[in-house]
N, C-alpha and C. Protein backbone atom coordinates (compact mmCIF):
# COMPACT_ATOMS: atom_id res chain seq x y z
N MET A 1 250.40 253.37 39.47
CA MET A 1 250.57 253.37 38.04
C MET A 1 251.19 254.70 37.61
N ASP A 2 252.11 254.62 36.68
CA ASP A 2 252.72 255.80 36.11
C ASP A 2 251.87 256.27 34.93
N VAL A 3 251.10 257.32 35.15
CA VAL A 3 250.15 257.81 34.15
C VAL A 3 250.86 258.23 32.87
N LEU A 4 251.95 258.96 33.00
CA LEU A 4 252.67 259.41 31.81
C LEU A 4 253.23 258.22 31.02
N GLN A 5 253.71 257.23 31.73
CA GLN A 5 254.22 256.03 31.05
C GLN A 5 253.09 255.32 30.32
N ARG A 6 251.93 255.26 30.95
CA ARG A 6 250.77 254.60 30.32
C ARG A 6 250.35 255.33 29.05
N ILE A 7 250.34 256.67 29.09
CA ILE A 7 250.02 257.44 27.89
C ILE A 7 251.03 257.13 26.80
N PHE A 8 252.30 257.08 27.17
CA PHE A 8 253.36 256.77 26.21
C PHE A 8 253.18 255.37 25.63
N GLU A 9 252.88 254.40 26.48
CA GLU A 9 252.69 253.01 26.01
C GLU A 9 251.55 252.93 25.00
N LEU A 10 250.44 253.55 25.32
CA LEU A 10 249.29 253.52 24.41
C LEU A 10 249.61 254.23 23.10
N ARG A 11 250.35 255.31 23.20
CA ARG A 11 250.74 256.04 21.99
C ARG A 11 251.68 255.19 21.15
N SER A 12 252.62 254.53 21.79
CA SER A 12 253.57 253.68 21.08
C SER A 12 252.90 252.48 20.43
N GLU A 13 251.93 251.88 21.14
CA GLU A 13 251.20 250.73 20.58
C GLU A 13 250.52 251.10 19.27
N ARG A 14 250.09 252.34 19.17
CA ARG A 14 249.37 252.79 17.98
C ARG A 14 250.29 253.40 16.93
N GLY A 15 251.56 253.57 17.30
CA GLY A 15 252.50 254.20 16.39
C GLY A 15 252.26 255.69 16.24
N TRP A 16 251.68 256.31 17.27
CA TRP A 16 251.35 257.72 17.22
C TRP A 16 252.50 258.57 17.74
N THR A 17 252.67 259.73 17.16
CA THR A 17 253.58 260.73 17.68
C THR A 17 252.81 261.59 18.69
N GLU A 18 253.54 262.44 19.39
CA GLU A 18 252.85 263.38 20.28
C GLU A 18 251.92 264.27 19.46
N TYR A 19 252.37 264.62 18.26
CA TYR A 19 251.53 265.46 17.40
C TYR A 19 250.21 264.75 17.08
N ARG A 20 250.27 263.48 16.74
CA ARG A 20 249.05 262.73 16.41
C ARG A 20 248.13 262.66 17.62
N LEU A 21 248.68 262.41 18.80
CA LEU A 21 247.86 262.40 20.02
C LEU A 21 247.23 263.77 20.23
N SER A 22 247.98 264.81 19.96
CA SER A 22 247.47 266.16 20.08
C SER A 22 246.28 266.38 19.15
N VAL A 23 246.42 265.97 17.91
CA VAL A 23 245.34 266.14 16.93
C VAL A 23 244.12 265.33 17.34
N GLU A 24 244.32 264.08 17.73
CA GLU A 24 243.21 263.19 18.07
C GLU A 24 242.49 263.61 19.35
N SER A 25 243.24 264.17 20.30
CA SER A 25 242.65 264.53 21.60
C SER A 25 242.22 265.99 21.69
N GLY A 26 242.75 266.82 20.80
CA GLY A 26 242.45 268.24 20.87
C GLY A 26 243.25 268.97 21.95
N ILE A 27 244.27 268.32 22.47
CA ILE A 27 245.14 268.92 23.48
C ILE A 27 246.39 269.43 22.76
N PRO A 28 246.78 270.67 23.01
CA PRO A 28 247.97 271.19 22.32
C PRO A 28 249.20 270.31 22.54
N GLN A 29 249.98 270.14 21.50
CA GLN A 29 251.18 269.32 21.60
C GLN A 29 252.14 269.88 22.65
N SER A 30 252.18 271.18 22.77
CA SER A 30 253.06 271.79 23.77
C SER A 30 252.65 271.38 25.19
N THR A 31 251.36 271.20 25.40
CA THR A 31 250.88 270.76 26.72
C THR A 31 251.32 269.32 26.98
N ILE A 32 251.15 268.47 25.98
CA ILE A 32 251.55 267.07 26.15
C ILE A 32 253.05 266.98 26.40
N SER A 33 253.84 267.72 25.63
CA SER A 33 255.30 267.71 25.81
C SER A 33 255.69 268.20 27.20
N SER A 34 254.99 269.23 27.68
CA SER A 34 255.35 269.79 28.99
C SER A 34 255.07 268.80 30.12
N TRP A 35 254.06 267.93 29.94
CA TRP A 35 253.82 266.91 30.97
C TRP A 35 255.07 266.08 31.20
N TYR A 36 255.72 265.69 30.11
CA TYR A 36 256.90 264.85 30.21
C TYR A 36 258.12 265.64 30.66
N LYS A 37 258.30 266.85 30.13
CA LYS A 37 259.47 267.65 30.49
C LYS A 37 259.45 268.06 31.95
N LYS A 38 258.26 268.37 32.46
CA LYS A 38 258.13 268.86 33.83
C LYS A 38 257.61 267.79 34.79
N ASN A 39 257.39 266.57 34.27
CA ASN A 39 256.86 265.47 35.06
C ASN A 39 255.57 265.87 35.77
N ILE A 40 254.64 266.45 34.99
CA ILE A 40 253.35 266.91 35.50
C ILE A 40 252.28 265.95 35.02
N LEU A 41 251.38 265.58 35.91
CA LEU A 41 250.28 264.71 35.52
C LEU A 41 249.18 265.52 34.83
N PRO A 42 248.56 264.96 33.80
CA PRO A 42 247.46 265.66 33.14
C PRO A 42 246.25 265.74 34.07
N SER A 43 245.44 266.76 33.86
CA SER A 43 244.21 266.90 34.63
C SER A 43 243.25 265.78 34.23
N LEU A 44 242.24 265.56 35.03
CA LEU A 44 241.24 264.54 34.72
C LEU A 44 240.55 264.82 33.39
N PRO A 45 240.12 266.08 33.12
CA PRO A 45 239.51 266.33 31.81
C PRO A 45 240.47 266.04 30.65
N SER A 46 241.75 266.35 30.83
CA SER A 46 242.73 266.05 29.78
C SER A 46 242.88 264.54 29.60
N LEU A 47 242.91 263.83 30.71
CA LEU A 47 243.04 262.38 30.66
C LEU A 47 241.81 261.76 29.98
N GLU A 48 240.64 262.30 30.23
CA GLU A 48 239.43 261.82 29.56
C GLU A 48 239.51 262.05 28.06
N ARG A 49 240.07 263.18 27.65
CA ARG A 49 240.22 263.48 26.22
C ARG A 49 241.24 262.53 25.58
N ILE A 50 242.27 262.20 26.32
CA ILE A 50 243.26 261.24 25.81
C ILE A 50 242.62 259.87 25.65
N CYS A 51 241.85 259.46 26.64
CA CYS A 51 241.16 258.17 26.56
C CYS A 51 240.21 258.14 25.37
N ALA A 52 239.49 259.23 25.15
CA ALA A 52 238.58 259.30 24.00
C ALA A 52 239.37 259.17 22.70
N ALA A 53 240.53 259.79 22.63
CA ALA A 53 241.36 259.69 21.43
C ALA A 53 241.81 258.25 21.20
N TYR A 54 242.12 257.55 22.28
CA TYR A 54 242.54 256.15 22.19
C TYR A 54 241.35 255.20 22.07
N ASN A 55 240.15 255.74 22.16
CA ASN A 55 238.92 254.95 22.09
C ASN A 55 238.83 253.93 23.23
N ILE A 56 239.21 254.40 24.42
CA ILE A 56 239.10 253.59 25.63
C ILE A 56 238.46 254.46 26.71
N ASN A 57 238.05 253.83 27.81
CA ASN A 57 237.53 254.61 28.93
C ASN A 57 238.59 254.66 30.04
N LEU A 58 238.31 255.45 31.07
CA LEU A 58 239.30 255.58 32.15
C LEU A 58 239.58 254.26 32.84
N SER A 59 238.57 253.44 32.97
CA SER A 59 238.76 252.13 33.58
C SER A 59 239.77 251.30 32.79
N GLN A 60 239.63 251.33 31.49
CA GLN A 60 240.57 250.60 30.64
C GLN A 60 241.97 251.20 30.71
N PHE A 61 242.03 252.52 30.82
CA PHE A 61 243.32 253.20 30.92
C PHE A 61 244.07 252.70 32.16
N PHE A 62 243.36 252.60 33.28
CA PHE A 62 244.00 252.23 34.54
C PHE A 62 244.05 250.73 34.80
N SER A 63 243.45 249.94 33.94
CA SER A 63 243.43 248.50 34.17
C SER A 63 244.71 247.84 33.69
N ASP A 64 244.95 246.69 34.26
CA ASP A 64 246.03 245.83 33.80
C ASP A 64 245.65 245.37 32.40
N GLU A 65 246.62 245.26 31.50
CA GLU A 65 246.30 244.88 30.12
C GLU A 65 245.54 243.56 30.04
N SER A 66 245.80 242.66 30.95
CA SER A 66 245.10 241.38 30.90
C SER A 66 243.62 241.52 31.22
N ASP A 67 243.26 242.63 31.90
CA ASP A 67 241.87 242.87 32.25
C ASP A 67 241.15 243.74 31.23
N ALA A 68 241.89 244.36 30.33
CA ALA A 68 241.30 245.33 29.40
C ALA A 68 240.38 244.66 28.40
N VAL A 69 239.25 245.31 28.17
CA VAL A 69 238.28 244.83 27.20
C VAL A 69 238.01 245.99 26.25
N THR A 70 238.11 245.73 24.97
CA THR A 70 237.81 246.75 23.99
C THR A 70 236.40 246.53 23.47
N LEU A 71 235.61 247.57 23.54
CA LEU A 71 234.23 247.48 23.10
C LEU A 71 234.11 247.95 21.66
N THR A 72 233.24 247.29 20.92
CA THR A 72 232.93 247.73 19.57
C THR A 72 232.04 248.97 19.66
N PRO A 73 231.93 249.73 18.59
CA PRO A 73 231.01 250.88 18.62
C PRO A 73 229.58 250.48 18.97
N GLU A 74 229.15 249.32 18.50
CA GLU A 74 227.80 248.85 18.79
C GLU A 74 227.63 248.54 20.28
N GLN A 75 228.66 247.93 20.89
CA GLN A 75 228.59 247.63 22.31
C GLN A 75 228.57 248.92 23.14
N LYS A 76 229.34 249.91 22.72
CA LYS A 76 229.33 251.19 23.42
C LYS A 76 227.95 251.85 23.31
N GLU A 77 227.37 251.78 22.13
CA GLU A 77 226.03 252.35 21.95
C GLU A 77 225.03 251.63 22.84
N LEU A 78 225.12 250.32 22.89
CA LEU A 78 224.23 249.54 23.74
C LEU A 78 224.36 249.95 25.20
N LEU A 79 225.59 250.08 25.68
CA LEU A 79 225.81 250.48 27.07
C LEU A 79 225.34 251.91 27.33
N ASP A 80 225.56 252.80 26.38
CA ASP A 80 225.07 254.17 26.54
C ASP A 80 223.55 254.18 26.68
N ASN A 81 222.88 253.42 25.83
CA ASN A 81 221.42 253.34 25.91
C ASN A 81 220.97 252.67 27.20
N TRP A 82 221.68 251.62 27.62
CA TRP A 82 221.36 250.92 28.86
C TRP A 82 221.40 251.89 30.04
N ASN A 83 222.40 252.74 30.08
CA ASN A 83 222.55 253.67 31.20
C ASN A 83 221.44 254.71 31.26
N ARG A 84 220.72 254.90 30.17
CA ARG A 84 219.61 255.85 30.15
C ARG A 84 218.30 255.23 30.66
N LEU A 85 218.28 253.91 30.78
CA LEU A 85 217.07 253.22 31.22
C LEU A 85 216.93 253.26 32.73
N ASP A 86 215.68 253.23 33.20
CA ASP A 86 215.48 253.10 34.64
C ASP A 86 215.60 251.61 35.00
N GLU A 87 215.53 251.32 36.28
CA GLU A 87 215.73 249.94 36.75
C GLU A 87 214.72 248.96 36.16
N GLN A 88 213.48 249.37 36.10
CA GLN A 88 212.43 248.49 35.54
C GLN A 88 212.69 248.20 34.06
N GLN A 89 213.07 249.22 33.32
CA GLN A 89 213.36 249.02 31.90
C GLN A 89 214.56 248.09 31.72
N GLN A 90 215.57 248.25 32.56
CA GLN A 90 216.73 247.37 32.49
C GLN A 90 216.33 245.92 32.76
N ASN A 91 215.49 245.72 33.76
CA ASN A 91 215.02 244.36 34.07
C ASN A 91 214.23 243.78 32.91
N ASN A 92 213.40 244.60 32.27
CA ASN A 92 212.62 244.13 31.10
C ASN A 92 213.55 243.70 29.97
N ILE A 93 214.59 244.49 29.73
CA ILE A 93 215.54 244.16 28.67
C ILE A 93 216.29 242.87 29.01
N LEU A 94 216.70 242.73 30.26
CA LEU A 94 217.40 241.50 30.67
C LEU A 94 216.50 240.27 30.48
N ASN A 95 215.25 240.40 30.85
CA ASN A 95 214.30 239.29 30.67
C ASN A 95 214.11 238.96 29.21
N LEU A 96 214.03 239.98 28.38
CA LEU A 96 213.90 239.77 26.94
C LEU A 96 215.12 239.04 26.39
N ILE A 97 216.28 239.46 26.76
CA ILE A 97 217.52 238.81 26.29
C ILE A 97 217.57 237.36 26.75
N LYS A 98 217.21 237.12 27.99
CA LYS A 98 217.23 235.74 28.51
C LYS A 98 216.24 234.84 27.79
N SER A 99 215.16 235.44 27.30
CA SER A 99 214.14 234.62 26.63
C SER A 99 214.50 234.29 25.18
N ILE A 100 215.47 234.97 24.65
CA ILE A 100 215.85 234.73 23.24
C ILE A 100 216.70 233.48 23.13
């Protein structure tokens, strides 16, 4: 996958300029521009910040569009809370959901 092309595609889909991506991600516009001018890949932390700006995760960034799933804020909150549970608590929640 061409990471720079993917960043460009996501930016274009949203109608964002490099400046807007810079503002949303907190990455200097000069840094974003230099990636393209020098054909340099962003670091993982920078890529995570870009994903956060686009409101996607790294998995969604690297997935084929047909596989991409966009989560609502509520679904993200649910998954965040789920990840904090131990295995027994997760099983209890699954059983509760199945019983509803």
